[in-house]
Amino acid sequence: MNFNLKEAIEVLERTPRALGAMLSGLSEGWLRCDEGEGTWNPSEVIDHLIEGEKTNWVPRLAFILKEGEGKPFPAFDRFAHLKEKSGRTIEERLEEFAAVRAASLATLKELVGSEETLERTGLHPTLGVLKVRELLSAWVAHDLTHTAQIVRAMAGRYREDVGPMIVNLSILGSKR
């Protein structure tokens, strides 16, 4: 097992700054590119991350610590962010993400004070028994997954423009 709470927090606290540095000030072309039908563009990913901070990670953690395996925690609507289009700039959304993430991490540090807490279990609505350690590991992997998704979508925007250089660009599907 590789999970370490301190190391997990290192990634979680950096995600808003990393995505802010990557996306702030970019043209709409970069913010609206995606990987094809049914995928999300960088702006939508930020909205999804905000929604997750509000309704997924820490709320589920608190639910597990309160209810244990007594009842499943509420399902997370992965597509809730798509139901309402934001008129806000990417900078405003990145700022909100940073603020809600900071609040989430403060709560996380209050709720998880020991190794024993990491072993407590709850009931996922579809996956069954889930340890706090597993929930927090998934949160980190989720951040990294969506960071990679943003990078792939942005690189893919130039797929047709790189010409024969595509053979050297694994992010565009090269085997190298």
C-alpha atoms as a PDB file:
ATOM      1  CA  MET A   1       0.000   0.000   0.000  1.00  0.00           C
ATOM      2  CA  ASN A   2       1.358   3.401  -0.984  1.00  0.00           C
ATOM      3  CA  PHE A   3      -1.259   5.720   0.540  1.00  0.00           C
ATOM      4  CA  ASN A   4       0.115   8.412   2.801  1.00  0.00           C
ATOM      5  CA  LEU A   5      -2.212  11.205   3.933  1.00  0.00           C
ATOM      6  CA  LYS A   6       0.498  13.865   3.935  1.00  0.00           C
ATOM      7  CA  GLU A   7       1.516  12.928   0.390  1.00  0.00           C
ATOM      8  CA  ALA A   8      -2.106  12.816  -0.758  1.00  0.00           C
ATOM      9  CA  ILE A   9      -2.628  16.333   0.556  1.00  0.00           C
ATOM     10  CA  GLU A  10       0.502  17.461  -1.319  1.00  0.00           C
ATOM     11  CA  VAL A  11      -1.203  16.614  -4.620  1.00  0.00           C
ATOM     12  CA  LEU A  12      -4.690  17.781  -3.621  1.00  0.00           C
ATOM     13  CA  GLU A  13      -3.474  21.194  -2.509  1.00  0.00           C
ATOM     14  CA  ARG A  14      -1.469  21.713  -5.712  1.00  0.00           C
ATOM     15  CA  THR A  15      -4.163  20.809  -8.219  1.00  0.00           C
ATOM     16  CA  PRO A  16      -5.925  24.210  -8.188  1.00  0.00           C
ATOM     17  CA  ARG A  17      -2.627  26.070  -8.643  1.00  0.00           C
ATOM     18  CA  ALA A  18      -1.435  23.719 -11.383  1.00  0.00           C
ATOM     19  CA  LEU A  19      -4.689  23.985 -13.317  1.00  0.00           C
ATOM     20  CA  GLY A  20      -4.782  27.730 -12.716  1.00  0.00           C
ATOM     21  CA  ALA A  21      -1.301  28.122 -14.184  1.00  0.00           C
ATOM     22  CA  MET A  22      -2.241  25.909 -17.123  1.00  0.00           C
ATOM     23  CA  LEU A  23      -5.632  27.450 -18.007  1.00  0.00           C
ATOM     24  CA  SER A  24      -5.808  31.024 -16.759  1.00  0.00           C
ATOM     25  CA  GLY A  25      -5.631  33.567 -19.555  1.00  0.00           C
ATOM     26  CA  LEU A  26      -6.001  31.060 -22.383  1.00  0.00           C
ATOM     27  CA  SER A  27      -8.057  31.679 -25.503  1.00  0.00           C
ATOM     28  CA  GLU A  28     -11.488  30.053 -25.794  1.00  0.00           C
ATOM     29  CA  GLY A  29     -10.126  27.648 -28.391  1.00  0.00           C
ATOM     30  CA  TRP A  30      -8.009  26.003 -25.701  1.00  0.00           C
ATOM     31  CA  LEU A  31     -10.770  26.070 -23.098  1.00  0.00           C
ATOM     32  CA  ARG A  32     -13.409  24.538 -25.408  1.00  0.00           C
ATOM     33  CA  CYS A  33     -11.394  21.749 -27.066  1.00  0.00           C
ATOM     34  CA  ASP A  34     -12.265  18.184 -26.111  1.00  0.00           C
ATOM     35  CA  GLU A  35     -11.419  14.604 -27.052  1.00  0.00           C
ATOM     36  CA  GLY A  36     -14.559  14.026 -29.108  1.00  0.00           C
ATOM     37  CA  GLU A  37     -18.254  13.476 -28.652  1.00  0.00           C
ATOM     38  CA  GLY A  38     -19.272  12.798 -25.067  1.00  0.00           C
ATOM     39  CA  THR A  39     -16.031  14.124 -23.568  1.00  0.00           C
ATOM     40  CA  TRP A  40     -15.440  17.264 -21.553  1.00  0.00           C
ATOM     41  CA  ASN A  41     -13.429  20.321 -22.430  1.00  0.00           C
ATOM     42  CA  PRO A  42     -11.081  21.989 -19.895  1.00  0.00           C
ATOM     43  CA  SER A  43     -13.788  24.445 -18.782  1.00  0.00           C
ATOM     44  CA  GLU A  44     -16.222  21.611 -18.122  1.00  0.00           C
ATOM     45  CA  VAL A  45     -13.581  19.680 -16.198  1.00  0.00           C
ATOM     46  CA  ILE A  46     -13.089  22.658 -13.865  1.00  0.00           C
ATOM     47  CA  ASP A  47     -16.859  22.839 -13.328  1.00  0.00           C
ATOM     48  CA  HIS A  48     -16.861  19.092 -12.553  1.00  0.00           C
ATOM     49  CA  LEU A  49     -14.033  19.512 -10.051  1.00  0.00           C
ATOM     50  CA  ILE A  50     -15.951  22.314  -8.308  1.00  0.00           C
ATOM     51  CA  GLU A  51     -19.065  20.134  -8.135  1.00  0.00           C
ATOM     52  CA  GLY A  52     -16.990  17.296  -6.682  1.00  0.00           C
ATOM     53  CA  GLU A  53     -15.649  19.538  -3.945  1.00  0.00           C
ATOM     54  CA  LYS A  54     -19.146  20.586  -2.999  1.00  0.00           C
ATOM     55  CA  THR A  55     -20.958  17.256  -3.156  1.00  0.00           C
ATOM     56  CA  ASN A  56     -18.527  14.343  -3.381  1.00  0.00           C
ATOM     57  CA  TRP A  57     -15.229  13.932  -1.554  1.00  0.00           C
ATOM     58  CA  VAL A  58     -15.540  15.592   1.845  1.00  0.00           C
ATOM     59  CA  PRO A  59     -19.313  15.109   2.103  1.00  0.00           C
ATOM     60  CA  ARG A  60     -18.772  11.386   1.520  1.00  0.00           C
ATOM     61  CA  LEU A  61     -15.935  11.326   4.035  1.00  0.00           C
ATOM     62  CA  ALA A  62     -18.138  12.966   6.666  1.00  0.00           C
ATOM     63  CA  PHE A  63     -20.964  10.551   5.836  1.00  0.00           C
ATOM     64  CA  ILE A  64     -18.680   7.530   6.271  1.00  0.00           C
ATOM     65  CA  LEU A  65     -17.437   8.801   9.619  1.00  0.00           C
ATOM     66  CA  LYS A  66     -21.000   9.406  10.815  1.00  0.00           C
ATOM     67  CA  GLU A  67     -22.848   6.404   9.354  1.00  0.00           C
ATOM     68  CA  GLY A  68     -20.189   3.764   8.787  1.00  0.00           C
ATOM     69  CA  GLU A  69     -21.663   0.875   6.823  1.00  0.00           C
ATOM     70  CA  GLY A  70     -25.151   1.548   8.216  1.00  0.00           C
ATOM     71  CA  LYS A  71     -26.423   3.034   4.983  1.00  0.00           C
ATOM     72  CA  PRO A  72     -24.896   3.917   1.619  1.00  0.00           C
ATOM     73  CA  PHE A  73     -23.753   7.461   1.124  1.00  0.00           C
ATOM     74  CA  PRO A  74     -25.599   9.491  -1.523  1.00  0.00           C
ATOM     75  CA  ALA A  75     -24.693   8.884  -5.150  1.00  0.00           C
ATOM     76  CA  PHE A  76     -22.587  11.528  -6.883  1.00  0.00           C
ATOM     77  CA  ASP A  77     -23.990  12.923 -10.124  1.00  0.00           C
ATOM     78  CA  ARG A  78     -20.876  13.035 -12.313  1.00  0.00           C
ATOM     79  CA  PHE A  79     -22.749  15.092 -14.895  1.00  0.00           C
ATOM     80  CA  ALA A  80     -24.403  17.686 -12.637  1.00  0.00           C
ATOM     81  CA  HIS A  81     -21.996  20.385 -13.824  1.00  0.00           C
ATOM     82  CA  LEU A  82     -23.321  20.033 -17.382  1.00  0.00           C
ATOM     83  CA  LYS A  83     -26.906  20.904 -16.448  1.00  0.00           C
ATOM     84  CA  GLU A  84     -26.189  24.556 -15.857  1.00  0.00           C
ATOM     85  CA  LYS A  85     -23.940  26.571 -18.147  1.00  0.00           C
ATOM     86  CA  SER A  86     -21.753  29.041 -16.331  1.00  0.00           C
ATOM     87  CA  GLY A  87     -21.392  32.563 -17.634  1.00  0.00           C
ATOM     88  CA  ARG A  88     -18.308  33.030 -15.493  1.00  0.00           C
ATOM     89  CA  THR A  89     -14.778  33.364 -16.811  1.00  0.00           C
ATOM     90  CA  ILE A  90     -12.281  30.572 -16.403  1.00  0.00           C
ATOM     91  CA  GLU A  91     -10.435  32.747 -13.889  1.00  0.00           C
ATOM     92  CA  GLU A  92     -13.579  33.060 -11.757  1.00  0.00           C
ATOM     93  CA  ARG A  93     -14.138  29.316 -11.858  1.00  0.00           C
ATOM     94  CA  LEU A  94     -10.488  28.549 -11.078  1.00  0.00           C
ATOM     95  CA  GLU A  95     -10.715  30.936  -8.130  1.00  0.00           C
ATOM     96  CA  GLU A  96     -13.827  29.162  -6.888  1.00  0.00           C
ATOM     97  CA  PHE A  97     -12.139  25.783  -7.289  1.00  0.00           C
ATOM     98  CA  ALA A  98      -9.151  26.985  -5.246  1.00  0.00           C
ATOM     99  CA  ALA A  99     -11.441  28.306  -2.506  1.00  0.00           C
ATOM    100  CA  VAL A 100     -13.632  25.202  -2.222  1.00  0.00           C
ATOM    101  CA  ARG A 101     -10.564  22.945  -2.343  1.00  0.00           C
ATOM    102  CA  ALA A 102      -8.902  24.910   0.471  1.00  0.00           C
ATOM    103  CA  ALA A 103     -12.056  24.508   2.558  1.00  0.00           C
ATOM    104  CA  SER A 104     -12.194  20.786   1.721  1.00  0.00           C
ATOM    105  CA  LEU A 105      -8.601  20.266   2.809  1.00  0.00           C
ATOM    106  CA  ALA A 106      -9.157  22.124   6.066  1.00  0.00           C
ATOM    107  CA  THR A 107     -12.127  19.869   6.809  1.00  0.00           C
ATOM    108  CA  LEU A 108     -10.180  16.775   5.750  1.00  0.00           C
ATOM    109  CA  LYS A 109      -7.424  17.622   8.239  1.00  0.00           C
ATOM    110  CA  GLU A 110     -10.019  18.057  10.996  1.00  0.00           C
ATOM    111  CA  LEU A 111     -11.827  14.798  10.229  1.00  0.00           C
ATOM    112  CA  VAL A 112      -8.874  12.472   9.647  1.00  0.00           C
ATOM    113  CA  GLY A 113      -6.598  12.633  12.620  1.00  0.00           C
ATOM    114  CA  SER A 114      -5.304   9.090  12.878  1.00  0.00           C
ATOM    115  CA  GLU A 115      -4.408   5.920  11.013  1.00  0.00           C
ATOM    116  CA  GLU A 116      -7.458   4.281  12.578  1.00  0.00           C
ATOM    117  CA  THR A 117      -9.704   6.813  10.850  1.00  0.00           C
ATOM    118  CA  LEU A 118      -8.225   5.818   7.491  1.00  0.00           C
ATOM    119  CA  GLU A 119      -9.379   2.235   8.061  1.00  0.00           C
ATOM    120  CA  ARG A 120     -12.984   3.135   8.864  1.00  0.00           C
ATOM    121  CA  THR A 121     -15.490   1.959   6.296  1.00  0.00           C
ATOM    122  CA  GLY A 122     -18.628   3.198   4.668  1.00  0.00           C
ATOM    123  CA  LEU A 123     -20.966   1.909   2.034  1.00  0.00           C
ATOM    124  CA  HIS A 124     -20.654   3.158  -1.540  1.00  0.00           C
ATOM    125  CA  PRO A 125     -24.059   3.129  -3.291  1.00  0.00           C
ATOM    126  CA  THR A 126     -22.864   0.853  -6.110  1.00  0.00           C
ATOM    127  CA  LEU A 127     -19.418  -0.466  -5.164  1.00  0.00           C
ATOM    128  CA  GLY A 128     -20.091  -1.664  -1.625  1.00  0.00           C
ATOM    129  CA  VAL A 129     -17.758  -1.344   1.345  1.00  0.00           C
ATOM    130  CA  LEU A 130     -15.166   1.414   0.985  1.00  0.00           C
ATOM    131  CA  LYS A 131     -12.397   2.452   3.379  1.00  0.00           C
ATOM    132  CA  VAL A 132     -11.648   6.112   4.076  1.00  0.00           C
ATOM    133  CA  ARG A 133      -8.133   5.402   2.762  1.00  0.00           C
ATOM    134  CA  GLU A 134      -9.623   4.198  -0.537  1.00  0.00           C
ATOM    135  CA  LEU A 135     -11.882   7.237  -0.858  1.00  0.00           C
ATOM    136  CA  LEU A 136      -8.950   9.594  -0.321  1.00  0.00           C
ATOM    137  CA  SER A 137      -6.732   7.638  -2.723  1.00  0.00           C
ATOM    138  CA  ALA A 138      -9.469   7.890  -5.356  1.00  0.00           C
ATOM    139  CA  TRP A 139      -9.700  11.657  -4.763  1.00  0.00           C
ATOM    140  CA  VAL A 140      -5.997  12.051  -5.615  1.00  0.00           C
ATOM    141  CA  ALA A 141      -6.256   9.752  -8.637  1.00  0.00           C
ATOM    142  CA  HIS A 142      -9.361  11.683  -9.736  1.00  0.00           C
ATOM    143  CA  ASP A 143      -7.413  14.968  -9.713  1.00  0.00           C
ATOM    144  CA  LEU A 144      -4.602  13.407 -11.730  1.00  0.00           C
ATOM    145  CA  THR A 145      -7.047  11.781 -14.153  1.00  0.00           C
ATOM    146  CA  HIS A 146      -8.724  15.086 -14.931  1.00  0.00           C
ATOM    147  CA  THR A 147      -5.400  16.906 -15.206  1.00  0.00           C
ATOM    148  CA  ALA A 148      -4.334  14.317 -17.786  1.00  0.00           C
ATOM    149  CA  GLN A 149      -7.704  14.656 -19.530  1.00  0.00           C
ATOM    150  CA  ILE A 150      -7.212  18.409 -19.889  1.00  0.00           C
ATOM    151  CA  VAL A 151      -3.704  17.949 -21.272  1.00  0.00           C
ATOM    152  CA  ARG A 152      -4.831  15.264 -23.759  1.00  0.00           C
ATOM    153  CA  ALA A 153      -7.701  17.450 -25.005  1.00  0.00           C
ATOM    154  CA  MET A 154      -5.387  20.412 -25.467  1.00  0.00           C
ATOM    155  CA  ALA A 155      -2.723  18.366 -27.249  1.00  0.00           C
ATOM    156  CA  GLY A 156      -5.398  16.798 -29.443  1.00  0.00           C
ATOM    157  CA  ARG A 157      -6.378  20.236 -30.676  1.00  0.00           C
ATOM    158  CA  TYR A 158      -3.170  20.233 -32.726  1.00  0.00           C
ATOM    159  CA  ARG A 159      -3.332  16.558 -33.795  1.00  0.00           C
ATOM    160  CA  GLU A 160      -3.805  17.437 -37.474  1.00  0.00           C
ATOM    161  CA  ASP A 161      -1.208  20.211 -37.334  1.00  0.00           C
ATOM    162  CA  VAL A 162       1.840  18.305 -36.114  1.00  0.00           C
ATOM    163  CA  GLY A 163       2.282  16.448 -39.391  1.00  0.00           C
ATOM    164  CA  PRO A 164       4.776  13.608 -39.379  1.00  0.00           C
ATOM    165  CA  MET A 165       5.954  14.635 -35.894  1.00  0.00           C
ATOM    166  CA  ILE A 166       2.942  12.725 -34.565  1.00  0.00           C
ATOM    167  CA  VAL A 167       5.120   9.591 -34.413  1.00  0.00           C
ATOM    168  CA  ASN A 168       7.066  11.201 -31.546  1.00  0.00           C
ATOM    169  CA  LEU A 169       4.050  12.427 -29.587  1.00  0.00           C
ATOM    170  CA  SER A 170       2.617   9.655 -27.421  1.00  0.00           C
ATOM    171  CA  ILE A 171      -0.105  11.955 -26.092  1.00  0.00           C
ATOM    172  CA  LEU A 172      -1.550  11.907 -29.624  1.00  0.00           C
ATOM    173  CA  GLY A 173      -1.567   8.138 -29.819  1.00  0.00           C
ATOM    174  CA  SER A 174       1.965   7.312 -30.917  1.00  0.00           C
ATOM    175  CA  LYS A 175       3.316   4.067 -29.504  1.00  0.00           C
ATOM    176  CA  ARG A 176       6.649   5.657 -28.554  1.00  0.00           C
END
